[in-house]
Amino acid sequence: KYSNISCLWETQPVGCVRISCAFRHSKPRIINGLFLPPSNNAPLQQGVQGGILHPAHRQESLRNQENLLFPIHPPLIINLNDEDDDEEDDEEEENYVSDWVPKTAADIEEERAIKEICYKSGKY
């Protein structure tokens, strides 16, 4: 029975942050603003009286929560059973021709001369 075993994460600096943790907790927890009292069979600490956190404990738990990283984007779901898209992508990659062609010194000089002519004529 897990409720008789002390939670290992409770001894860590951040404390236990699992809202559905089945292990015994001797300290109250605040997870995403939700106050969770210590387990029923755990002795109540001195800092907690009548379900209200002592101000020092409240500030400590807020400091610990600041260090937690929460995802800011929804999870990306990839459907591995969809094979049609993969086949289309492969065909596109095979037929892809690059538009980029390296320029030679003569090409660059010709382009510069055309720009100069256009600039002098006022069309550029």
PDB file of N, CA and C in Angstrom:
ATOM      1  N   LYS A   1       0.849  -1.180   0.000  1.00  0.00           N
ATOM      2  CA  LYS A   1       0.000   0.000   0.000  1.00  0.00           C
ATOM      3  C   LYS A   1       0.892   1.240   0.000  1.00  0.00           C
ATOM      4  N   TYR A   2       0.799   2.041  -1.063  1.00  0.00           N
ATOM      5  CA  TYR A   2       1.675   3.198  -1.236  1.00  0.00           C
ATOM      6  C   TYR A   2       1.428   4.299  -0.204  1.00  0.00           C
ATOM      7  N   SER A   3       0.209   4.402   0.301  1.00  0.00           N
ATOM      8  CA  SER A   3      -0.098   5.492   1.234  1.00  0.00           C
ATOM      9  C   SER A   3       0.645   5.350   2.557  1.00  0.00           C
ATOM     10  N   ASN A   4       1.266   4.209   2.810  1.00  0.00           N
ATOM     11  CA  ASN A   4       2.061   4.029   4.028  1.00  0.00           C
ATOM     12  C   ASN A   4       3.539   4.368   3.809  1.00  0.00           C
ATOM     13  N   ILE A   5       3.938   4.606   2.576  1.00  0.00           N
ATOM     14  CA  ILE A   5       5.335   4.892   2.248  1.00  0.00           C
ATOM     15  C   ILE A   5       5.494   6.393   2.029  1.00  0.00           C
ATOM     16  N   SER A   6       6.521   6.988   2.633  1.00  0.00           N
ATOM     17  CA  SER A   6       6.771   8.421   2.455  1.00  0.00           C
ATOM     18  C   SER A   6       7.175   8.718   1.017  1.00  0.00           C
ATOM     19  N   CYS A   7       6.715   9.847   0.518  1.00  0.00           N
ATOM     20  CA  CYS A   7       7.023  10.261  -0.848  1.00  0.00           C
ATOM     21  C   CYS A   7       8.482  10.712  -0.934  1.00  0.00           C
ATOM     22  N   LEU A   8       9.223  10.136  -1.858  1.00  0.00           N
ATOM     23  CA  LEU A   8      10.627  10.484  -2.057  1.00  0.00           C
ATOM     24  C   LEU A   8      10.775  11.925  -2.534  1.00  0.00           C
ATOM     25  N   TRP A   9       9.872  12.382  -3.392  1.00  0.00           N
ATOM     26  CA  TRP A   9       9.988  13.718  -3.980  1.00  0.00           C
ATOM     27  C   TRP A   9       9.769  14.816  -2.951  1.00  0.00           C
ATOM     28  N   GLU A  10       9.138  14.492  -1.853  1.00  0.00           N
ATOM     29  CA  GLU A  10       8.878  15.493  -0.823  1.00  0.00           C
ATOM     30  C   GLU A  10      10.178  15.983  -0.186  1.00  0.00           C
ATOM     31  N   THR A  11      11.229  15.167  -0.230  1.00  0.00           N
ATOM     32  CA  THR A  11      12.507  15.550   0.366  1.00  0.00           C
ATOM     33  C   THR A  11      13.345  16.412  -0.579  1.00  0.00           C
ATOM     34  N   GLN A  12      12.930  16.558  -1.820  1.00  0.00           N
ATOM     35  CA  GLN A  12      13.674  17.358  -2.796  1.00  0.00           C
ATOM     36  C   GLN A  12      13.367  18.845  -2.599  1.00  0.00           C
ATOM     37  N   PRO A  13      14.228  19.748  -3.103  1.00  0.00           N
ATOM     38  CA  PRO A  13      14.013  21.187  -2.899  1.00  0.00           C
ATOM     39  C   PRO A  13      12.658  21.690  -3.402  1.00  0.00           C
ATOM     40  N   VAL A  14      12.206  21.213  -4.546  1.00  0.00           N
ATOM     41  CA  VAL A  14      10.923  21.673  -5.083  1.00  0.00           C
ATOM     42  C   VAL A  14       9.760  20.976  -4.392  1.00  0.00           C
ATOM     43  N   GLY A  15       9.989  19.796  -3.878  1.00  0.00           N
ATOM     44  CA  GLY A  15       8.925  19.027  -3.243  1.00  0.00           C
ATOM     45  C   GLY A  15       8.165  18.213  -4.270  1.00  0.00           C
ATOM     46  N   CYS A  16       7.156  17.513  -3.812  1.00  0.00           N
ATOM     47  CA  CYS A  16       6.346  16.683  -4.705  1.00  0.00           C
ATOM     48  C   CYS A  16       5.351  17.575  -5.440  1.00  0.00           C
ATOM     49  N   VAL A  17       5.335  17.499  -6.755  1.00  0.00           N
ATOM     50  CA  VAL A  17       4.433  18.324  -7.556  1.00  0.00           C
ATOM     51  C   VAL A  17       3.409  17.483  -8.317  1.00  0.00           C
ATOM     52  N   ARG A  18       3.335  16.198  -7.995  1.00  0.00           N
ATOM     53  CA  ARG A  18       2.349  15.326  -8.642  1.00  0.00           C
ATOM     54  C   ARG A  18       1.033  15.435  -7.886  1.00  0.00           C
ATOM     55  N   ILE A  19       0.013  15.918  -8.558  1.00  0.00           N
ATOM     56  CA  ILE A  19      -1.272  16.136  -7.895  1.00  0.00           C
ATOM     57  C   ILE A  19      -1.922  14.818  -7.488  1.00  0.00           C
ATOM     58  N   SER A  20      -1.649  13.737  -8.207  1.00  0.00           N
ATOM     59  CA  SER A  20      -2.275  12.452  -7.890  1.00  0.00           C
ATOM     60  C   SER A  20      -1.274  11.473  -7.286  1.00  0.00           C
ATOM     61  N   CYS A  21      -0.289  11.973  -6.560  1.00  0.00           N
ATOM     62  CA  CYS A  21       0.730  11.112  -5.954  1.00  0.00           C
ATOM     63  C   CYS A  21       0.081  10.236  -4.880  1.00  0.00           C
ATOM     64  N   ALA A  22       0.353   8.937  -4.945  1.00  0.00           N
ATOM     65  CA  ALA A  22      -0.278   7.982  -4.026  1.00  0.00           C
ATOM     66  C   ALA A  22       0.505   7.811  -2.730  1.00  0.00           C
ATOM     67  N   PHE A  23       1.716   8.354  -2.651  1.00  0.00           N
ATOM     68  CA  PHE A  23       2.537   8.171  -1.460  1.00  0.00           C
ATOM     69  C   PHE A  23       2.127   9.140  -0.352  1.00  0.00           C
ATOM     70  N   ARG A  24       2.624   8.865   0.871  1.00  0.00           N
ATOM     71  CA  ARG A  24       2.280   9.675   2.042  1.00  0.00           C
ATOM     72  C   ARG A  24       3.088  10.975   2.015  1.00  0.00           C
ATOM     73  N   HIS A  25       2.423  12.079   2.369  1.00  0.00           N
ATOM     74  CA  HIS A  25       3.064  13.387   2.420  1.00  0.00           C
ATOM     75  C   HIS A  25       2.925  13.954   3.828  1.00  0.00           C
ATOM     76  N   SER A  26       4.053  14.367   4.399  1.00  0.00           N
ATOM     77  CA  SER A  26       4.019  14.949   5.741  1.00  0.00           C
ATOM     78  C   SER A  26       3.932  16.469   5.674  1.00  0.00           C
ATOM     79  N   LYS A  27       4.176  17.038   4.502  1.00  0.00           N
ATOM     80  CA  LYS A  27       4.117  18.488   4.320  1.00  0.00           C
ATOM     81  C   LYS A  27       2.943  18.830   3.410  1.00  0.00           C
ATOM     82  N   PRO A  28       2.342  19.996   3.620  1.00  0.00           N
ATOM     83  CA  PRO A  28       1.302  20.422   2.676  1.00  0.00           C
ATOM     84  C   PRO A  28       1.949  20.805   1.347  1.00  0.00           C
ATOM     85  N   ARG A  29       1.176  20.728   0.286  1.00  0.00           N
ATOM     86  CA  ARG A  29       1.696  21.049  -1.042  1.00  0.00           C
ATOM     87  C   ARG A  29       0.782  22.053  -1.720  1.00  0.00           C
ATOM     88  N   ILE A  30       1.374  22.912  -2.546  1.00  0.00           N
ATOM     89  CA  ILE A  30       0.596  23.820  -3.383  1.00  0.00           C
ATOM     90  C   ILE A  30       1.019  23.539  -4.817  1.00  0.00           C
ATOM     91  N   ILE A  31       0.086  23.027  -5.610  1.00  0.00           N
ATOM     92  CA  ILE A  31       0.361  22.658  -6.993  1.00  0.00           C
ATOM     93  C   ILE A  31      -0.575  23.458  -7.887  1.00  0.00           C
ATOM     94  N   ASN A  32       0.012  24.334  -8.717  1.00  0.00           N
ATOM     95  CA  ASN A  32      -0.770  25.206  -9.606  1.00  0.00           C
ATOM     96  C   ASN A  32      -1.841  25.976  -8.838  1.00  0.00           C
ATOM     97  N   GLY A  33      -1.501  26.470  -7.661  1.00  0.00           N
ATOM     98  CA  GLY A  33      -2.418  27.258  -6.858  1.00  0.00           C
ATOM     99  C   GLY A  33      -3.396  26.435  -6.033  1.00  0.00           C
ATOM    100  N   LEU A  34      -3.378  25.121  -6.152  1.00  0.00           N
ATOM    101  CA  LEU A  34      -4.278  24.246  -5.400  1.00  0.00           C
ATOM    102  C   LEU A  34      -3.579  23.765  -4.136  1.00  0.00           C
ATOM    103  N   PHE A  35      -4.182  24.029  -2.978  1.00  0.00           N
ATOM    104  CA  PHE A  35      -3.605  23.622  -1.697  1.00  0.00           C
ATOM    105  C   PHE A  35      -3.969  22.170  -1.424  1.00  0.00           C
ATOM    106  N   LEU A  36      -2.953  21.339  -1.194  1.00  0.00           N
ATOM    107  CA  LEU A  36      -3.165  19.936  -0.842  1.00  0.00           C
ATOM    108  C   LEU A  36      -2.598  19.720   0.552  1.00  0.00           C
ATOM    109  N   PRO A  37      -3.436  19.384   1.520  1.00  0.00           N
ATOM    110  CA  PRO A  37      -2.949  19.181   2.888  1.00  0.00           C
ATOM    111  C   PRO A  37      -2.103  17.919   2.975  1.00  0.00           C
ATOM    112  N   PRO A  38      -1.380  17.750   4.082  1.00  0.00           N
ATOM    113  CA  PRO A  38      -0.609  16.517   4.255  1.00  0.00           C
ATOM    114  C   PRO A  38      -1.542  15.306   4.270  1.00  0.00           C
ATOM    115  N   SER A  39      -0.984  14.133   4.062  1.00  0.00           N
ATOM    116  CA  SER A  39      -1.786  12.905   4.084  1.00  0.00           C
ATOM    117  C   SER A  39      -2.472  12.758   5.436  1.00  0.00           C
ATOM    118  N   ASN A  40      -3.604  12.043   5.461  1.00  0.00           N
ATOM    119  CA  ASN A  40      -4.387  11.884   6.695  1.00  0.00           C
ATOM    120  C   ASN A  40      -3.602  11.221   7.811  1.00  0.00           C
ATOM    121  N   ASN A  41      -2.764  10.248   7.478  1.00  0.00           N
ATOM    122  CA  ASN A  41      -2.038   9.523   8.508  1.00  0.00           C
ATOM    123  C   ASN A  41      -0.675  10.141   8.809  1.00  0.00           C
ATOM    124  N   ALA A  42      -0.353  11.299   8.227  1.00  0.00           N
ATOM    125  CA  ALA A  42       0.930  11.956   8.490  1.00  0.00           C
ATOM    126  C   ALA A  42       0.750  12.990   9.592  1.00  0.00           C
ATOM    127  N   PRO A  43       1.721  13.146  10.485  1.00  0.00           N
ATOM    128  CA  PRO A  43       1.616  14.159  11.529  1.00  0.00           C
ATOM    129  C   PRO A  43       1.689  15.555  10.920  1.00  0.00           C
ATOM    130  N   LEU A  44       0.874  16.477  11.433  1.00  0.00           N
ATOM    131  CA  LEU A  44       0.826  17.843  10.933  1.00  0.00           C
ATOM    132  C   LEU A  44       2.040  18.608  11.427  1.00  0.00           C
ATOM    133  N   GLN A  45       2.705  19.343  10.540  1.00  0.00           N
ATOM    134  CA  GLN A  45       3.889  20.096  10.932  1.00  0.00           C
ATOM    135  C   GLN A  45       3.496  21.350  11.703  1.00  0.00           C
ATOM    136  N   GLN A  46       4.478  21.948  12.370  1.00  0.00           N
ATOM    137  CA  GLN A  46       4.215  23.128  13.182  1.00  0.00           C
ATOM    138  C   GLN A  46       3.819  24.328  12.331  1.00  0.00           C
ATOM    139  N   GLY A  47       4.350  24.447  11.127  1.00  0.00           N
ATOM    140  CA  GLY A  47       4.077  25.607  10.290  1.00  0.00           C
ATOM    141  C   GLY A  47       2.659  25.651   9.774  1.00  0.00           C
ATOM    142  N   VAL A  48       1.907  24.571   9.871  1.00  0.00           N
ATOM    143  CA  VAL A  48       0.561  24.508   9.337  1.00  0.00           C
ATOM    144  C   VAL A  48      -0.417  24.373  10.499  1.00  0.00           C
ATOM    145  N   GLN A  49      -1.354  25.309  10.572  1.00  0.00           N
ATOM    146  CA  GLN A  49      -2.342  25.265  11.645  1.00  0.00           C
ATOM    147  C   GLN A  49      -3.715  25.505  11.040  1.00  0.00           C
ATOM    148  N   GLY A  50      -4.608  24.581  11.242  1.00  0.00           N
ATOM    149  CA  GLY A  50      -5.976  24.742  10.767  1.00  0.00           C
ATOM    150  C   GLY A  50      -6.083  24.847   9.249  1.00  0.00           C
ATOM    151  N   GLY A  51      -5.193  24.213   8.508  1.00  0.00           N
ATOM    152  CA  GLY A  51      -5.276  24.241   7.053  1.00  0.00           C
ATOM    153  C   GLY A  51      -4.716  25.513   6.444  1.00  0.00           C
ATOM    154  N   ILE A  52      -4.119  26.404   7.248  1.00  0.00           N
ATOM    155  CA  ILE A  52      -3.556  27.651   6.734  1.00  0.00           C
ATOM    156  C   ILE A  52      -2.043  27.577   6.826  1.00  0.00           C
ATOM    157  N   LEU A  53      -1.383  27.885   5.736  1.00  0.00           N
ATOM    158  CA  LEU A  53       0.072  27.844   5.727  1.00  0.00           C
ATOM    159  C   LEU A  53       0.655  29.032   6.477  1.00  0.00           C
ATOM    160  N   HIS A  54       1.713  28.784   7.208  1.00  0.00           N
ATOM    161  CA  HIS A  54       2.475  29.848   7.844  1.00  0.00           C
ATOM    162  C   HIS A  54       3.074  30.695   6.721  1.00  0.00           C
ATOM    163  N   PRO A  55       3.150  32.039   6.853  1.00  0.00           N
ATOM    164  CA  PRO A  55       3.653  32.883   5.756  1.00  0.00           C
ATOM    165  C   PRO A  55       5.016  32.451   5.220  1.00  0.00           C
ATOM    166  N   ALA A  56       5.909  31.983   6.088  1.00  0.00           N
ATOM    167  CA  ALA A  56       7.235  31.553   5.622  1.00  0.00           C
ATOM    168  C   ALA A  56       7.106  30.338   4.702  1.00  0.00           C
ATOM    169  N   HIS A  57       6.220  29.393   5.055  1.00  0.00           N
ATOM    170  CA  HIS A  57       6.014  28.207   4.212  1.00  0.00           C
ATOM    171  C   HIS A  57       5.371  28.604   2.888  1.00  0.00           C
ATOM    172  N   ARG A  58       4.435  29.569   2.933  1.00  0.00           N
ATOM    173  CA  ARG A  58       3.744  30.003   1.726  1.00  0.00           C
ATOM    174  C   ARG A  58       4.748  30.612   0.744  1.00  0.00           C
ATOM    175  N   GLN A  59       5.638  31.482   1.244  1.00  0.00           N
ATOM    176  CA  GLN A  59       6.632  32.101   0.367  1.00  0.00           C
ATOM    177  C   GLN A  59       7.603  31.060  -0.181  1.00  0.00           C
ATOM    178  N   GLU A  60       7.978  30.086   0.649  1.00  0.00           N
ATOM    179  CA  GLU A  60       8.910  29.047   0.200  1.00  0.00           C
ATOM    180  C   GLU A  60       8.283  28.218  -0.918  1.00  0.00           C
ATOM    181  N   SER A  61       6.973  27.876  -0.780  1.00  0.00           N
ATOM    182  CA  SER A  61       6.350  27.079  -1.828  1.00  0.00           C
ATOM    183  C   SER A  61       6.202  27.877  -3.113  1.00  0.00           C
ATOM    184  N   LEU A  62       5.951  29.189  -3.007  1.00  0.00           N
ATOM    185  CA  LEU A  62       5.857  29.997  -4.210  1.00  0.00           C
ATOM    186  C   LEU A  62       7.216  30.089  -4.895  1.00  0.00           C
ATOM    187  N   ARG A  63       8.292  30.213  -4.113  1.00  0.00           N
ATOM    188  CA  ARG A  63       9.631  30.260  -4.686  1.00  0.00           C
ATOM    189  C   ARG A  63       9.939  28.951  -5.403  1.00  0.00           C
ATOM    190  N   ASN A  64       9.554  27.836  -4.794  1.00  0.00           N
ATOM    191  CA  ASN A  64       9.806  26.532  -5.405  1.00  0.00           C
ATOM    192  C   ASN A  64       9.027  26.377  -6.704  1.00  0.00           C
ATOM    193  N   GLN A  65       7.802  26.913  -6.750  1.00  0.00           N
ATOM    194  CA  GLN A  65       6.987  26.780  -7.955  1.00  0.00           C
ATOM    195  C   GLN A  65       7.512  27.642  -9.094  1.00  0.00           C
ATOM    196  N   GLU A  66       8.208  28.741  -8.767  1.00  0.00           N
ATOM    197  CA  GLU A  66       8.760  29.595  -9.813  1.00  0.00           C
ATOM    198  C   GLU A  66       9.797  28.850 -10.641  1.00  0.00           C
ATOM    199  N   ASN A  67      10.480  27.878 -10.038  1.00  0.00           N
ATOM    200  CA  ASN A  67      11.529  27.144 -10.733  1.00  0.00           C
ATOM    201  C   ASN A  67      10.980  26.056 -11.649  1.00  0.00           C
ATOM    202  N   LEU A  68       9.692  25.772 -11.573  1.00  0.00           N
ATOM    203  CA  LEU A  68       9.102  24.715 -12.395  1.00  0.00           C
ATOM    204  C   LEU A  68       8.889  25.211 -13.815  1.00  0.00           C
ATOM    205  N   LEU A  69       9.132  24.363 -14.769  1.00  0.00           N
ATOM    206  CA  LEU A  69       8.909  24.704 -16.161  1.00  0.00           C
ATOM    207  C   LEU A  69       7.663  23.985 -16.651  1.00  0.00           C
ATOM    208  N   PHE A  70       6.748  24.742 -17.217  1.00  0.00           N
ATOM    209  CA  PHE A  70       5.534  24.168 -17.757  1.00  0.00           C
ATOM    210  C   PHE A  70       5.544  24.367 -19.269  1.00  0.00           C
ATOM    211  N   PRO A  71       5.025  23.427 -20.034  1.00  0.00           N
ATOM    212  CA  PRO A  71       5.013  23.591 -21.482  1.00  0.00           C
ATOM    213  C   PRO A  71       4.124  24.760 -21.883  1.00  0.00           C
ATOM    214  N   ILE A  72       4.568  25.533 -22.890  1.00  0.00           N
ATOM    215  CA  ILE A  72       3.776  26.673 -23.338  1.00  0.00           C
ATOM    216  C   ILE A  72       3.015  26.353 -24.617  1.00  0.00           C
ATOM    217  N   HIS A  73       3.320  25.239 -25.227  1.00  0.00           N
ATOM    218  CA  HIS A  73       2.647  24.842 -26.454  1.00  0.00           C
ATOM    219  C   HIS A  73       1.915  23.528 -26.221  1.00  0.00           C
ATOM    220  N   PRO A  74       0.802  23.330 -26.922  1.00  0.00           N
ATOM    221  CA  PRO A  74       0.135  22.029 -26.796  1.00  0.00           C
ATOM    222  C   PRO A  74       1.024  20.942 -27.388  1.00  0.00           C
ATOM    223  N   PRO A  75       0.850  19.714 -26.953  1.00  0.00           N
ATOM    224  CA  PRO A  75       1.695  18.636 -27.470  1.00  0.00           C
ATOM    225  C   PRO A  75       1.455  18.407 -28.962  1.00  0.00           C
ATOM    226  N   LEU A  76       2.497  18.036 -29.662  1.00  0.00           N
ATOM    227  CA  LEU A  76       2.411  17.732 -31.083  1.00  0.00           C
ATOM    228  C   LEU A  76       2.022  16.270 -31.240  1.00  0.00           C
ATOM    229  N   ILE A  77       0.948  16.031 -31.979  1.00  0.00           N
ATOM    230  CA  ILE A  77       0.464  14.666 -32.175  1.00  0.00           C
ATOM    231  C   ILE A  77       0.759  14.263 -33.614  1.00  0.00           C
ATOM    232  N   ILE A  78       1.486  13.182 -33.770  1.00  0.00           N
ATOM    233  CA  ILE A  78       1.855  12.686 -35.089  1.00  0.00           C
ATOM    234  C   ILE A  78       1.160  11.353 -35.313  1.00  0.00           C
ATOM    235  N   ASN A  79       0.422  11.260 -36.405  1.00  0.00           N
ATOM    236  CA  ASN A  79      -0.276  10.029 -36.742  1.00  0.00           C
ATOM    237  C   ASN A  79       0.672   9.152 -37.549  1.00  0.00           C
ATOM    238  N   LEU A  80       1.163   8.092 -36.940  1.00  0.00           N
ATOM    239  CA  LEU A  80       2.119   7.213 -37.601  1.00  0.00           C
ATOM    240  C   LEU A  80       1.455   6.247 -38.576  1.00  0.00           C
ATOM    241  N   ASN A  81       0.136   6.141 -38.522  1.00  0.00           N
ATOM    242  CA  ASN A  81      -0.576   5.213 -39.400  1.00  0.00           C
ATOM    243  C   ASN A  81      -0.878   5.817 -40.765  1.00  0.00           C
ATOM    244  N   ASP A  82      -0.674   7.110 -40.931  1.00  0.00           N
ATOM    245  CA  ASP A  82      -0.994   7.787 -42.182  1.00  0.00           C
ATOM    246  C   ASP A  82       0.201   7.702 -43.121  1.00  0.00           C
ATOM    247  N   GLU A  83       0.149   6.770 -44.093  1.00  0.00           N
ATOM    248  CA  GLU A  83       1.278   6.534 -44.992  1.00  0.00           C
ATOM    249  C   GLU A  83       1.143   7.294 -46.310  1.00  0.00           C
ATOM    250  N   ASP A  84      -0.044   7.832 -46.625  1.00  0.00           N
ATOM    251  CA  ASP A  84      -0.262   8.516 -47.896  1.00  0.00           C
ATOM    252  C   ASP A  84       0.618   9.752 -48.028  1.00  0.00           C
ATOM    253  N   ASP A  85       0.722  10.538 -46.965  1.00  0.00           N
ATOM    254  CA  ASP A  85       1.515  11.765 -47.014  1.00  0.00           C
ATOM    255  C   ASP A  85       2.985  11.471 -47.258  1.00  0.00           C
ATOM    256  N   ASP A  86       3.496  10.401 -46.686  1.00  0.00           N
ATOM    257  CA  ASP A  86       4.904  10.061 -46.847  1.00  0.00           C
ATOM    258  C   ASP A  86       5.235   9.781 -48.311  1.00  0.00           C
ATOM    259  N   GLU A  87       4.334   9.080 -49.003  1.00  0.00           N
ATOM    260  CA  GLU A  87       4.577   8.742 -50.399  1.00  0.00           C
ATOM    261  C   GLU A  87       4.601  10.002 -51.258  1.00  0.00           C
ATOM    262  N   GLU A  88       3.686  10.935 -50.997  1.00  0.00           N
ATOM    263  CA  GLU A  88       3.636  12.177 -51.764  1.00  0.00           C
ATOM    264  C   GLU A  88       4.903  12.991 -51.537  1.00  0.00           C
ATOM    265  N   ASP A  89       5.370  13.058 -50.302  1.00  0.00           N
ATOM    266  CA  ASP A  89       6.579  13.814 -49.988  1.00  0.00           C
ATOM    267  C   ASP A  89       7.783  13.240 -50.717  1.00  0.00           C
ATOM    268  N   ASP A  90       7.878  11.915 -50.783  1.00  0.00           N
ATOM    269  CA  ASP A  90       9.006  11.277 -51.458  1.00  0.00           C
ATOM    270  C   ASP A  90       9.009  11.622 -52.949  1.00  0.00           C
ATOM    271  N   GLU A  91       7.812  11.628 -53.566  1.00  0.00           N
ATOM    272  CA  GLU A  91       7.718  11.951 -54.986  1.00  0.00           C
ATOM    273  C   GLU A  91       8.128  13.392 -55.241  1.00  0.00           C
ATOM    274  N   GLU A  92       7.717  14.303 -54.368  1.00  0.00           N
ATOM    275  CA  GLU A  92       8.065  15.711 -54.527  1.00  0.00           C
ATOM    276  C   GLU A  92       9.573  15.905 -54.408  1.00  0.00           C
ATOM    277  N   GLU A  93      10.203  15.206 -53.484  1.00  0.00           N
ATOM    278  CA  GLU A  93      11.644  15.337 -53.303  1.00  0.00           C
ATOM    279  C   GLU A  93      12.398  14.825 -54.526  1.00  0.00           C
ATOM    280  N   GLU A  94      11.894  13.768 -55.156  1.00  0.00           N
ATOM    281  CA  GLU A  94      12.560  13.214 -56.334  1.00  0.00           C
ATOM    282  C   GLU A  94      12.464  14.169 -57.521  1.00  0.00           C
ATOM    283  N   ASN A  95      11.329  14.875 -57.650  1.00  0.00           N
ATOM    284  CA  ASN A  95      11.102  15.768 -58.786  1.00  0.00           C
ATOM    285  C   ASN A  95      11.603  17.185 -58.532  1.00  0.00           C
ATOM    286  N   TYR A  96      12.139  17.467 -57.380  1.00  0.00           N
ATOM    287  CA  TYR A  96      12.560  18.813 -57.016  1.00  0.00           C
ATOM    288  C   TYR A  96      13.845  19.186 -57.749  1.00  0.00           C
ATOM    289  N   VAL A  97      13.814  20.358 -58.401  1.00  0.00           N
ATOM    290  CA  VAL A  97      15.001  20.878 -59.074  1.00  0.00           C
ATOM    291  C   VAL A  97      15.299  22.232 -58.449  1.00  0.00           C
ATOM    292  N   SER A  98      16.510  22.425 -58.055  1.00  0.00           N
ATOM    293  CA  SER A  98      16.890  23.667 -57.404  1.00  0.00           C
ATOM    294  C   SER A  98      16.930  24.806 -58.412  1.00  0.00           C
ATOM    295  N   ASP A  99      16.396  25.981 -58.013  1.00  0.00           N
ATOM    296  CA  ASP A  99      16.443  27.168 -58.859  1.00  0.00           C
ATOM    297  C   ASP A  99      17.782  27.885 -58.714  1.00  0.00           C
ATOM    298  N   TRP A 100      18.512  27.596 -57.695  1.00  0.00           N
ATOM    299  CA  TRP A 100      19.759  28.288 -57.422  1.00  0.00           C
ATOM    300  C   TRP A 100      20.878  27.712 -58.272  1.00  0.00           C
ATOM    301  N   VAL A 101      21.534  28.601 -58.990  1.00  0.00           N
ATOM    302  CA  VAL A 101      22.661  28.198 -59.821  1.00  0.00           C
ATOM    303  C   VAL A 101      23.827  29.108 -59.441  1.00  0.00           C
ATOM    304  N   PRO A 102      24.990  28.571 -59.202  1.00  0.00           N
ATOM    305  CA  PRO A 102      26.115  29.440 -58.838  1.00  0.00           C
ATOM    306  C   PRO A 102      26.476  30.375 -59.992  1.00  0.00           C
ATOM    307  N   LYS A 103      26.832  31.627 -59.633  1.00  0.00           N
ATOM    308  CA  LYS A 103      27.166  32.628 -60.649  1.00  0.00           C
ATOM    309  C   LYS A 103      28.672  32.643 -60.886  1.00  0.00           C
ATOM    310  N   THR A 104      29.007  32.803 -62.119  1.00  0.00           N
ATOM    311  CA  THR A 104      30.425  32.939 -62.464  1.00  0.00           C
ATOM    312  C   THR A 104      30.787  34.417 -62.410  1.00  0.00           C
ATOM    313  N   ALA A 105      32.060  34.707 -62.511  1.00  0.00           N
ATOM    314  CA  ALA A 105      32.518  36.103 -62.501  1.00  0.00           C
ATOM    315  C   ALA A 105      31.927  36.858 -63.685  1.00  0.00           C
ATOM    316  N   ALA A 106      31.800  36.189 -64.824  1.00  0.00           N
ATOM    317  CA  ALA A 106      31.237  36.832 -66.021  1.00  0.00           C
ATOM    318  C   ALA A 106      29.766  37.176 -65.800  1.00  0.00           C
ATOM    319  N   ASP A 107      29.014  36.279 -65.140  1.00  0.00           N
ATOM    320  CA  ASP A 107      27.603  36.538 -64.856  1.00  0.00           C
ATOM    321  C   ASP A 107      27.449  37.749 -63.941  1.00  0.00           C
ATOM    322  N   ILE A 108      28.278  37.822 -62.936  1.00  0.00           N
ATOM    323  CA  ILE A 108      28.208  38.937 -61.987  1.00  0.00           C
ATOM    324  C   ILE A 108      28.547  40.247 -62.691  1.00  0.00           C
ATOM    325  N   GLU A 109      29.556  40.245 -63.527  1.00  0.00           N
ATOM    326  CA  GLU A 109      29.956  41.453 -64.265  1.00  0.00           C
ATOM    327  C   GLU A 109      28.850  41.884 -65.223  1.00  0.00           C
ATOM    328  N   GLU A 110      28.216  40.913 -65.888  1.00  0.00           N
ATOM    329  CA  GLU A 110      27.126  41.226 -66.815  1.00  0.00           C
ATOM    330  C   GLU A 110      25.946  41.838 -66.064  1.00  0.00           C
ATOM    331  N   GLU A 111      25.610  41.263 -64.926  1.00  0.00           N
ATOM    332  CA  GLU A 111      24.504  41.773 -64.116  1.00  0.00           C
ATOM    333  C   GLU A 111      24.795  43.200 -63.647  1.00  0.00           C
ATOM    334  N   ARG A 112      26.048  43.464 -63.250  1.00  0.00           N
ATOM    335  CA  ARG A 112      26.431  44.797 -62.794  1.00  0.00           C
ATOM    336  C   ARG A 112      26.324  45.799 -63.944  1.00  0.00           C
ATOM    337  N   ALA A 113      26.750  45.395 -65.134  1.00  0.00           N
ATOM    338  CA  ALA A 113      26.688  46.281 -66.301  1.00  0.00           C
ATOM    339  C   ALA A 113      25.238  46.607 -66.654  1.00  0.00           C
ATOM    340  N   ILE A 114      24.355  45.623 -66.591  1.00  0.00           N
ATOM    341  CA  ILE A 114      22.931  45.851 -66.888  1.00  0.00           C
ATOM    342  C   ILE A 114      22.336  46.820 -65.874  1.00  0.00           C
ATOM    343  N   LYS A 115      22.657  46.635 -64.595  1.00  0.00           N
ATOM    344  CA  LYS A 115      22.151  47.542 -63.565  1.00  0.00           C
ATOM    345  C   LYS A 115      22.656  48.962 -63.795  1.00  0.00           C
ATOM    346  N   GLU A 116      23.916  49.094 -64.203  1.00  0.00           N
ATOM    347  CA  GLU A 116      24.498  50.415 -64.443  1.00  0.00           C
ATOM    348  C   GLU A 116      23.803  51.105 -65.614  1.00  0.00           C
ATOM    349  N   ILE A 117      23.527  50.346 -66.681  1.00  0.00           N
ATOM    350  CA  ILE A 117      22.839  50.910 -67.848  1.00  0.00           C
ATOM    351  C   ILE A 117      21.432  51.353 -67.462  1.00  0.00           C
ATOM    352  N   CYS A 118      20.727  50.499 -66.712  1.00  0.00           N
ATOM    353  CA  CYS A 118      19.367  50.835 -66.280  1.00  0.00           C
ATOM    354  C   CYS A 118      19.377  52.053 -65.361  1.00  0.00           C
ATOM    355  N   TYR A 119      20.361  52.148 -64.491  1.00  0.00           N
ATOM    356  CA  TYR A 119      20.455  53.257 -63.553  1.00  0.00           C
ATOM    357  C   TYR A 119      20.682  54.564 -64.309  1.00  0.00           C
ATOM    358  N   LYS A 120      21.565  54.533 -65.319  1.00  0.00           N
ATOM    359  CA  LYS A 120      21.866  55.743 -66.096  1.00  0.00           C
ATOM    360  C   LYS A 120      20.665  56.180 -66.921  1.00  0.00           C
ATOM    361  N   SER A 121      19.878  55.207 -67.388  1.00  0.00           N
ATOM    362  CA  SER A 121      18.712  55.552 -68.203  1.00  0.00           C
ATOM    363  C   SER A 121      17.524  55.979 -67.348  1.00  0.00           C
ATOM    364  N   GLY A 122      17.619  55.782 -66.039  1.00  0.00           N
ATOM    365  CA  GLY A 122      16.549  56.197 -65.131  1.00  0.00           C
ATOM    366  C   GLY A 122      15.468  55.158 -64.937  1.00  0.00           C
ATOM    367  N   LYS A 123      15.654  53.954 -65.447  1.00  0.00           N
ATOM    368  CA  LYS A 123      14.644  52.899 -65.304  1.00  0.00           C
ATOM    369  C   LYS A 123      14.871  52.044 -64.070  1.00  0.00           C
ATOM    370  N   TYR A 124      15.946  52.240 -63.393  1.00  0.00           N
ATOM    371  CA  TYR A 124      16.263  51.380 -62.252  1.00  0.00           C
ATOM    372  C   TYR A 124      15.912  52.046 -60.962  1.00  0.00           C
TER     373      TYR A 124
END
